[in-house]
Amino acid sequence: MKTREQKQKDLNALTEQFRKAQAAMFVGFQNLTVAKDQELRRQLREAGISYEVVKNTLARKAAEGTPFEQAAEHFKGVTAVALSDGDPVNLSKAISKFTKANPDIFKFKVGVVEGKVVALRDVEAIASLPSKEELISKIMFLINAQAQRLVTVISAVPRNLAIVVKQIGEQKGEAA
């Protein structure tokens, strides 16, 4: 049995995680095997997402004063929370993928993204978006493509001039 100090320490740690997180997904599960649990934890860890099963009363108390307070009504039954400090797209993709692959085990309860409560359809829509890194690379490609086109146009004038001068020289050489 945990002492009051240990419980307070757990509460403070979870509250701090809630304050730092940009997004959270709350899921319920039943008949979860150890293998499936390890698979989920491995996938989430690879995506940089923290995941833990929490007691509902602890989660409700930790959510007080944070953006996740709106989701407190969904803390019923077995509850697990997946938290992301960064890009919510990665979190949405990981949770959506795993719940689709295991619908008999996992049940999506609620998500909170940047302070707004989101439903399952919203999470699936977020999951279909490209990640932040993908968007940055696409923008960089577009910027680079325009710069390459500009360089091609600018270098075309001297190149064309050189071709014309060469052709004139060849014509004078033939005329002589």
Protein backbone atom coordinates (compact mmCIF):
# COMPACT_ATOMS: atom_id res chain seq x y z
CA MET A 1 0.00 0.00 0.00
CA LYS A 2 1.33 3.42 -0.92
CA THR A 3 1.88 6.03 1.73
CA ARG A 4 0.31 9.47 1.54
CA GLU A 5 3.69 10.94 0.52
CA GLN A 6 4.05 8.44 -2.35
CA LYS A 7 0.53 9.20 -3.56
CA GLN A 8 1.23 12.95 -3.42
CA LYS A 9 4.46 12.41 -5.35
CA ASP A 10 2.56 10.45 -8.05
CA LEU A 11 -0.07 13.19 -8.21
CA ASN A 12 2.56 15.92 -8.59
CA ALA A 13 4.37 13.96 -11.32
CA LEU A 14 1.16 13.37 -13.31
CA THR A 15 0.08 17.00 -12.88
CA GLU A 16 3.46 18.15 -14.22
CA GLN A 17 3.13 15.79 -17.21
CA PHE A 18 -0.35 17.20 -17.93
CA ARG A 19 0.97 20.78 -17.77
CA LYS A 20 3.83 20.07 -20.19
CA ALA A 21 1.82 18.04 -22.70
CA GLN A 22 0.49 19.58 -25.90
CA ALA A 23 -1.85 16.69 -26.59
CA ALA A 24 -3.27 13.66 -24.79
CA MET A 25 -5.36 10.68 -25.81
CA PHE A 26 -7.31 8.74 -23.21
CA VAL A 27 -8.15 5.13 -24.02
CA GLY A 28 -9.85 2.29 -22.24
CA PHE A 29 -9.01 -1.35 -22.69
CA GLN A 30 -10.14 -4.81 -21.71
CA ASN A 31 -8.65 -8.28 -22.16
CA LEU A 32 -5.25 -6.74 -22.85
CA THR A 33 -2.48 -9.29 -23.12
CA VAL A 34 1.07 -8.57 -22.05
CA ALA A 35 2.27 -8.97 -25.64
CA LYS A 36 -0.21 -6.38 -26.95
CA ASP A 37 0.62 -4.00 -24.12
CA GLN A 38 4.34 -4.27 -24.85
CA GLU A 39 3.69 -3.77 -28.57
CA LEU A 40 1.69 -0.59 -27.89
CA ARG A 41 4.27 0.77 -25.45
CA ARG A 42 7.09 0.08 -27.94
CA GLN A 43 5.26 1.87 -30.78
CA LEU A 44 4.47 4.86 -28.58
CA ARG A 45 8.01 5.03 -27.20
CA GLU A 46 9.40 5.07 -30.77
CA ALA A 47 7.09 7.99 -31.56
CA GLY A 48 8.30 9.89 -28.45
CA ILE A 49 5.02 9.52 -26.58
CA SER A 50 4.65 8.73 -22.89
CA TYR A 51 1.99 6.19 -21.94
CA GLU A 52 0.73 4.94 -18.63
CA VAL A 53 -2.31 3.42 -17.02
CA VAL A 54 -3.68 5.81 -14.41
CA LYS A 55 -6.18 5.64 -11.60
CA ASN A 56 -9.23 7.70 -12.44
CA THR A 57 -9.27 9.69 -9.20
CA LEU A 58 -5.57 10.47 -9.60
CA ALA A 59 -6.13 11.57 -13.21
CA ARG A 60 -9.09 13.78 -12.22
CA LYS A 61 -7.05 15.49 -9.49
CA ALA A 62 -4.01 15.90 -11.76
CA ALA A 63 -6.16 17.38 -14.54
CA GLU A 64 -7.47 20.17 -12.30
CA GLY A 65 -6.17 23.51 -13.53
CA THR A 66 -4.80 22.06 -16.78
CA PRO A 67 -6.29 21.96 -20.29
CA PHE A 68 -7.18 18.31 -19.66
CA GLU A 69 -9.72 19.21 -16.97
CA GLN A 70 -12.44 19.26 -19.66
CA ALA A 71 -11.86 15.54 -20.28
CA ALA A 72 -12.22 14.52 -16.60
CA GLU A 73 -15.77 13.25 -17.11
CA HIS A 74 -14.34 10.46 -19.33
CA PHE A 75 -12.15 9.04 -16.55
CA LYS A 76 -14.27 5.97 -15.90
CA GLY A 77 -13.37 2.31 -16.07
CA VAL A 78 -9.82 1.34 -16.96
CA THR A 79 -8.04 4.43 -18.25
CA ALA A 80 -4.70 4.81 -19.95
CA VAL A 81 -3.25 8.13 -21.03
CA ALA A 82 -0.84 8.80 -23.87
CA LEU A 83 0.84 12.22 -23.68
CA SER A 84 2.82 14.11 -26.30
CA ASP A 85 4.96 17.17 -25.61
CA GLY A 86 5.38 17.89 -29.31
CA ASP A 87 3.53 17.19 -32.50
CA PRO A 88 -0.04 15.93 -31.85
CA VAL A 89 -0.12 14.32 -35.31
CA ASN A 90 2.33 11.59 -34.26
CA LEU A 91 0.26 10.86 -31.15
CA SER A 92 -2.95 10.73 -33.18
CA LYS A 93 -1.40 8.44 -35.79
CA ALA A 94 -0.04 6.02 -33.19
CA ILE A 95 -3.26 5.78 -31.17
CA SER A 96 -5.50 5.64 -34.25
CA LYS A 97 -3.38 2.91 -35.84
CA PHE A 98 -3.35 0.76 -32.73
CA THR A 99 -7.04 1.13 -31.92
CA LYS A 100 -7.96 0.23 -35.52
CA ALA A 101 -5.71 -2.83 -35.38
CA ASN A 102 -7.15 -3.92 -32.01
CA PRO A 103 -10.79 -2.75 -31.81
CA ASP A 104 -11.78 -5.58 -29.48
CA ILE A 105 -9.15 -4.53 -26.90
CA PHE A 106 -8.91 -0.74 -27.13
CA LYS A 107 -11.65 1.82 -26.93
CA PHE A 108 -10.92 5.48 -27.56
CA LYS A 109 -12.41 7.65 -24.82
CA VAL A 110 -11.40 11.23 -25.55
CA GLY A 111 -8.52 13.30 -26.79
CA VAL A 112 -7.31 16.77 -25.94
CA VAL A 113 -5.23 18.62 -28.52
CA GLU A 114 -3.89 22.08 -27.67
CA GLY A 115 -6.56 22.61 -25.03
CA LYS A 116 -9.52 21.42 -27.11
CA VAL A 117 -11.43 18.20 -26.55
CA VAL A 118 -11.54 16.08 -29.70
CA ALA A 119 -13.65 13.09 -30.65
CA LEU A 120 -12.48 9.93 -32.42
CA ARG A 121 -13.36 11.25 -35.90
CA ASP A 122 -11.26 14.36 -35.19
CA VAL A 123 -8.33 12.20 -34.06
CA GLU A 124 -8.58 10.19 -37.27
CA ALA A 125 -8.62 13.44 -39.27
CA ILE A 126 -5.54 14.66 -37.40
CA ALA A 127 -3.87 11.30 -37.98
CA SER A 128 -4.34 11.69 -41.73
CA LEU A 129 -2.36 14.94 -41.73
CA PRO A 130 1.34 14.90 -42.57
CA SER A 131 3.71 15.32 -39.62
CA LYS A 132 5.44 18.59 -38.82
CA GLU A 133 8.71 17.32 -40.31
CA GLU A 134 6.95 16.32 -43.56
CA LEU A 135 5.32 19.75 -43.85
CA ILE A 136 8.64 21.51 -43.25
CA SER A 137 10.35 19.40 -45.91
CA LYS A 138 7.56 20.15 -48.41
CA ILE A 139 7.82 23.90 -47.74
CA MET A 140 11.61 23.77 -48.09
CA PHE A 141 11.22 21.91 -51.40
CA LEU A 142 8.82 24.57 -52.70
CA ILE A 143 11.14 27.40 -51.63
CA ASN A 144 14.14 25.62 -53.16
CA ALA A 145 12.26 24.90 -56.41
CA GLN A 146 11.51 28.61 -56.90
CA ALA A 147 15.14 29.52 -56.25
CA GLN A 148 16.29 26.89 -58.78
CA ARG A 149 13.91 28.27 -61.39
CA LEU A 150 15.19 31.80 -60.77
CA VAL A 151 18.81 30.67 -61.18
CA THR A 152 17.89 28.83 -64.40
CA VAL A 153 16.22 31.94 -65.85
CA ILE A 154 19.08 34.24 -64.82
CA SER A 155 21.74 31.92 -66.25
CA ALA A 156 19.75 31.48 -69.49
CA VAL A 157 20.53 35.03 -70.72
CA PRO A 158 24.36 34.70 -70.76
CA ARG A 159 24.09 31.14 -72.06
CA ASN A 160 21.83 32.22 -74.94
CA LEU A 161 24.13 35.18 -75.67
CA ALA A 162 27.12 32.84 -75.87
CA ILE A 163 25.23 30.53 -78.25
CA VAL A 164 24.29 33.46 -80.52
CA VAL A 165 27.88 34.76 -80.55
CA LYS A 166 29.14 31.27 -81.38
CA GLN A 167 26.62 30.90 -84.20
CA ILE A 168 27.59 34.33 -85.64
CA GLY A 169 31.25 33.33 -85.48
CA GLU A 170 30.49 30.08 -87.29
CA GLN A 171 28.51 31.91 -89.97
CA LYS A 172 31.36 34.40 -90.58
CA GLY A 173 33.78 31.48 -90.75
CA GLU A 174 31.65 29.81 -93.42
CA ALA A 175 31.22 33.05 -95.39
CA ALA A 176 34.98 33.59 -95.58
